[in-house]
Amino acid sequence: MRWTTVAEAAVWWAALCALYLVLISAVGPLEFALGALAALLGTLAARTAAATLRHLPLTAALRPPLPEHAAPARPLPLHPATPCGYPPSPEPALLERALTPTR
């Protein structure tokens, strides 16, 4: 393992541990141990994600250009903001009629 890898992991751990300690209300030995363990797990996740992203080609993250003969995008039709997309009924629903007091 190179020293740069160790230094990067130490910086990640220190930053995550410091962030945890700043965000909690009371710092005790148990809270510090929990924060240190969580920071270690976060460090391992960050290192794994960085190593994975290094192997991805840059073109995979970019959107490929559309061919010239491609049709322009059309907007989708809007649906009413009622349950199941049905238009609102002028009559009250059965439950609404049952709960409404009669005069």
Protein backbone atom coordinates (compact mmCIF):
# COMPACT_ATOMS: atom_id res chain seq x y z
CA MET A 1 0.00 0.00 0.00
CA ARG A 2 1.34 3.41 -0.93
CA TRP A 3 1.68 6.27 1.54
CA THR A 4 -0.63 8.41 -0.57
CA THR A 5 -3.40 5.85 -0.13
CA VAL A 6 -2.86 5.80 3.63
CA ALA A 7 -2.77 9.60 3.78
CA GLU A 8 -5.96 9.88 1.72
CA ALA A 9 -7.74 7.39 3.98
CA ALA A 10 -6.52 9.26 7.07
CA VAL A 11 -7.82 12.56 5.70
CA TRP A 12 -11.20 10.98 4.89
CA TRP A 13 -11.41 9.44 8.37
CA ALA A 14 -10.43 12.67 10.13
CA ALA A 15 -12.90 14.76 8.13
CA LEU A 16 -15.79 12.35 8.66
CA CYS A 17 -15.01 11.90 12.35
CA ALA A 18 -14.76 15.66 12.87
CA LEU A 19 -18.06 16.19 11.05
CA TYR A 20 -19.75 13.60 13.27
CA LEU A 21 -18.35 15.17 16.44
CA VAL A 22 -19.52 18.62 15.37
CA LEU A 23 -23.05 17.40 14.62
CA ILE A 24 -23.75 15.46 17.82
CA SER A 25 -24.89 17.21 20.98
CA ALA A 26 -22.83 15.45 23.68
CA VAL A 27 -19.36 13.99 23.19
CA GLY A 28 -18.58 11.03 25.42
CA PRO A 29 -16.37 7.98 25.01
CA LEU A 30 -19.16 5.88 23.54
CA GLU A 31 -20.19 8.61 21.09
CA PHE A 32 -16.57 9.11 20.04
CA ALA A 33 -16.10 5.37 19.47
CA LEU A 34 -19.30 5.20 17.43
CA GLY A 35 -18.25 8.22 15.39
CA ALA A 36 -14.80 6.77 14.77
CA LEU A 37 -16.29 3.48 13.60
CA ALA A 38 -18.83 5.23 11.36
CA ALA A 39 -16.07 7.43 9.93
CA LEU A 40 -14.00 4.31 9.21
CA LEU A 41 -16.91 2.74 7.33
CA GLY A 42 -17.44 5.99 5.44
CA THR A 43 -13.75 6.08 4.56
CA LEU A 44 -13.89 2.56 3.17
CA ALA A 45 -16.99 3.43 1.15
CA ALA A 46 -15.38 6.60 -0.23
CA ARG A 47 -12.20 4.76 -1.19
CA THR A 48 -14.18 1.99 -2.89
CA ALA A 49 -16.33 4.47 -4.80
CA ALA A 50 -13.26 6.45 -5.91
CA ALA A 51 -11.51 3.30 -7.08
CA THR A 52 -14.60 2.22 -9.01
CA LEU A 53 -15.07 5.62 -10.65
CA ARG A 54 -11.44 5.68 -11.81
CA HIS A 55 -12.06 2.62 -13.99
CA LEU A 56 -15.16 3.96 -15.70
CA PRO A 57 -14.62 5.60 -19.08
CA LEU A 58 -15.52 9.26 -19.27
CA THR A 59 -17.80 8.67 -22.25
CA ALA A 60 -20.05 6.39 -20.16
CA ALA A 61 -21.14 9.38 -18.09
CA LEU A 62 -21.79 11.59 -21.11
CA ARG A 63 -24.96 11.43 -23.16
CA PRO A 64 -24.31 10.31 -26.72
CA PRO A 65 -25.25 12.83 -29.42
CA LEU A 66 -28.53 12.24 -31.25
CA PRO A 67 -28.40 11.53 -34.95
CA GLU A 68 -29.46 14.36 -37.26
CA HIS A 69 -32.56 12.51 -38.46
CA ALA A 70 -33.91 11.99 -34.93
CA ALA A 71 -37.35 13.44 -34.28
CA PRO A 72 -37.63 16.23 -31.73
CA ALA A 73 -38.96 15.30 -28.32
CA ARG A 74 -42.66 15.85 -27.72
CA PRO A 75 -44.13 16.73 -24.35
CA LEU A 76 -46.16 14.08 -22.60
CA PRO A 77 -49.88 14.72 -22.17
CA LEU A 78 -50.86 16.04 -18.77
CA HIS A 79 -53.18 13.98 -16.60
CA PRO A 80 -55.69 15.46 -14.19
CA ALA A 81 -54.59 15.66 -10.59
CA THR A 82 -57.31 13.33 -9.36
CA PRO A 83 -56.97 9.73 -8.16
CA CYS A 84 -56.33 7.28 -10.99
CA GLY A 85 -56.31 10.12 -13.51
CA TYR A 86 -60.09 10.24 -13.90
CA PRO A 87 -61.71 13.62 -14.43
CA PRO A 88 -63.58 14.92 -11.39
CA SER A 89 -67.23 13.97 -11.20
CA PRO A 90 -69.90 16.66 -10.71
CA GLU A 91 -71.71 14.38 -8.25
CA PRO A 92 -70.30 13.71 -4.79
CA ALA A 93 -68.82 10.28 -4.23
CA LEU A 94 -70.66 7.59 -2.28
CA LEU A 95 -68.49 8.04 0.82
CA GLU A 96 -68.87 11.80 0.67
CA ARG A 97 -72.67 11.44 0.46
CA ALA A 98 -72.67 9.02 3.40
CA LEU A 99 -70.64 11.39 5.59
CA THR A 100 -72.50 14.56 4.66
CA PRO A 101 -75.37 15.26 7.08
CA THR A 102 -78.77 15.55 5.44
CA ARG A 103 -81.00 18.55 6.09
